[in-house]
Amino acid sequence: MADVKEIIEKLSKESGVKAVIIVSNEGFAISVASEDSKIDADAIAAVVMMGEKALKSIGEELSLNDLKMASYEYEKGTILVRRINPDAMLAVLTEPKAPIGSLRFLTKRRIEDLAKLLQ
């Protein structure tokens, strides 16, 4: 099995992906893969963590159980967020025309590997 860095590096090379970040529950970037030096992974990690907490509250209020995945679609791109385990999330930042369906599928396939590696 590949290690965490290899997995996120491979995801970061998918069409339309700008960055892949493993985010801790404290809002820190645990691991980052991006060729864009302008990406502030720590700032993104903090915001992703706050957004996930808000969505978790909505899910609890509506009795929807655990949040599995969230998609934030903006004019200039999308952020996909998947829960890896109770302590970490995967955030994928994309360009506007990225193949979101394909990326949702790929991230879902890699979550189990990441969860095993981040135990």
Protein backbone atom coordinates (compact mmCIF):
# COMPACT_ATOMS: atom_id res chain seq x y z
CA MET A 1 0.00 0.00 0.00
CA ALA A 2 1.19 3.51 -0.78
CA ASP A 3 1.90 5.98 2.02
CA VAL A 4 -0.18 9.10 2.76
CA LYS A 5 2.05 11.43 0.76
CA GLU A 6 1.94 9.15 -2.30
CA ILE A 7 -1.84 8.94 -2.16
CA ILE A 8 -2.40 12.69 -1.95
CA GLU A 9 0.31 13.40 -4.54
CA LYS A 10 -1.47 11.08 -6.97
CA LEU A 11 -4.83 12.75 -6.28
CA SER A 12 -3.23 16.19 -6.76
CA LYS A 13 -2.21 15.22 -10.29
CA GLU A 14 -5.79 14.46 -11.36
CA SER A 15 -7.30 16.79 -13.96
CA GLY A 16 -8.43 20.10 -12.46
CA VAL A 17 -7.04 19.53 -8.97
CA LYS A 18 -5.15 22.47 -7.44
CA ALA A 19 -4.36 21.00 -4.02
CA VAL A 20 -5.02 18.07 -1.73
CA ILE A 21 -4.80 18.62 2.02
CA ILE A 22 -5.17 16.27 4.98
CA VAL A 23 -6.79 18.40 7.70
CA SER A 24 -6.74 17.68 11.44
CA ASN A 25 -9.77 18.27 13.68
CA GLU A 26 -7.83 21.18 15.15
CA GLY A 27 -7.73 22.83 11.73
CA PHE A 28 -4.09 22.20 10.87
CA ALA A 29 -2.72 20.89 7.58
CA ILE A 30 -1.24 17.46 8.34
CA SER A 31 -0.05 16.79 4.78
CA VAL A 32 -0.26 18.82 1.56
CA ALA A 33 0.18 18.08 -2.13
CA SER A 34 0.09 21.06 -4.49
CA GLU A 35 2.19 22.57 -7.20
CA ASP A 36 0.64 26.00 -6.56
CA SER A 37 2.94 27.92 -4.19
CA LYS A 38 0.14 30.44 -3.52
CA ILE A 39 -1.97 27.85 -1.70
CA ASP A 40 -2.02 28.62 2.04
CA ALA A 41 -2.72 25.11 3.29
CA ASP A 42 -2.92 26.12 6.96
CA ALA A 43 -5.51 28.84 6.28
CA ILE A 44 -7.53 26.47 4.09
CA ALA A 45 -7.33 23.73 6.73
CA ALA A 46 -8.67 26.07 9.42
CA VAL A 47 -11.62 27.14 7.27
CA VAL A 48 -12.38 23.57 6.16
CA MET A 49 -12.46 22.45 9.79
CA MET A 50 -14.86 25.27 10.76
CA GLY A 51 -17.13 24.50 7.80
CA GLU A 52 -17.19 20.82 8.67
CA LYS A 53 -18.18 21.63 12.25
CA ALA A 54 -21.08 23.76 11.02
CA LEU A 55 -22.27 21.01 8.68
CA LYS A 56 -21.93 18.44 11.45
CA SER A 57 -24.22 20.57 13.65
CA ILE A 58 -26.83 20.71 10.89
CA GLY A 59 -26.64 16.93 10.50
CA GLU A 60 -27.05 16.41 14.24
CA GLU A 61 -30.03 18.78 14.37
CA LEU A 62 -31.72 16.86 11.54
CA SER A 63 -30.68 13.41 12.88
CA LEU A 64 -28.73 12.61 9.69
CA ASN A 65 -25.88 10.86 11.53
CA ASP A 66 -22.23 11.35 10.52
CA LEU A 67 -21.16 13.66 7.70
CA LYS A 68 -19.36 11.62 5.03
CA MET A 69 -18.67 14.20 2.31
CA ALA A 70 -19.27 17.87 1.59
CA SER A 71 -18.89 19.83 -1.60
CA TYR A 72 -18.46 23.62 -1.60
CA GLU A 73 -18.97 24.93 -5.12
CA TYR A 74 -17.77 28.44 -5.90
CA GLU A 75 -17.50 30.48 -9.05
CA LYS A 76 -13.75 29.83 -9.29
CA GLY A 77 -13.61 26.26 -8.08
CA THR A 78 -14.87 23.56 -5.75
CA ILE A 79 -13.68 22.14 -2.45
CA LEU A 80 -14.49 18.49 -1.76
CA VAL A 81 -14.20 17.42 1.87
CA ARG A 82 -14.35 13.81 3.07
CA ARG A 83 -14.01 12.54 6.60
CA ILE A 84 -11.07 10.08 6.81
CA ASN A 85 -11.49 9.09 10.45
CA PRO A 86 -12.62 10.83 13.67
CA ASP A 87 -9.38 12.86 13.69
CA ALA A 88 -8.82 13.91 10.07
CA MET A 89 -10.44 15.04 6.81
CA LEU A 90 -9.38 15.07 3.18
CA ALA A 91 -9.84 18.38 1.32
CA VAL A 92 -9.49 18.57 -2.47
CA LEU A 93 -9.38 22.04 -4.06
CA THR A 94 -10.27 22.15 -7.74
CA GLU A 95 -10.50 24.45 -10.71
CA PRO A 96 -13.98 25.40 -11.99
CA LYS A 97 -14.09 22.79 -14.77
CA ALA A 98 -12.70 19.88 -12.76
CA PRO A 99 -14.52 16.54 -13.19
CA ILE A 100 -16.21 16.61 -9.77
CA GLY A 101 -18.04 13.29 -10.21
CA SER A 102 -14.81 11.51 -11.01
CA LEU A 103 -13.00 13.17 -8.10
CA ARG A 104 -15.79 12.21 -5.69
CA PHE A 105 -15.39 8.59 -6.84
CA LEU A 106 -11.57 8.65 -6.58
CA THR A 107 -11.56 10.21 -3.12
CA LYS A 108 -14.12 7.69 -1.87
CA ARG A 109 -11.89 4.85 -3.08
CA ARG A 110 -8.83 6.26 -1.29
CA ILE A 111 -10.47 7.08 2.06
CA GLU A 112 -10.10 3.53 3.42
CA ASP A 113 -6.38 3.49 2.56
CA LEU A 114 -5.88 6.88 4.21
CA ALA A 115 -7.84 5.78 7.29
CA LYS A 116 -5.60 2.72 7.72
CA LEU A 117 -2.45 4.82 7.34
CA LEU A 118 -3.63 7.54 9.73
CA GLN A 119 -4.64 5.23 12.62
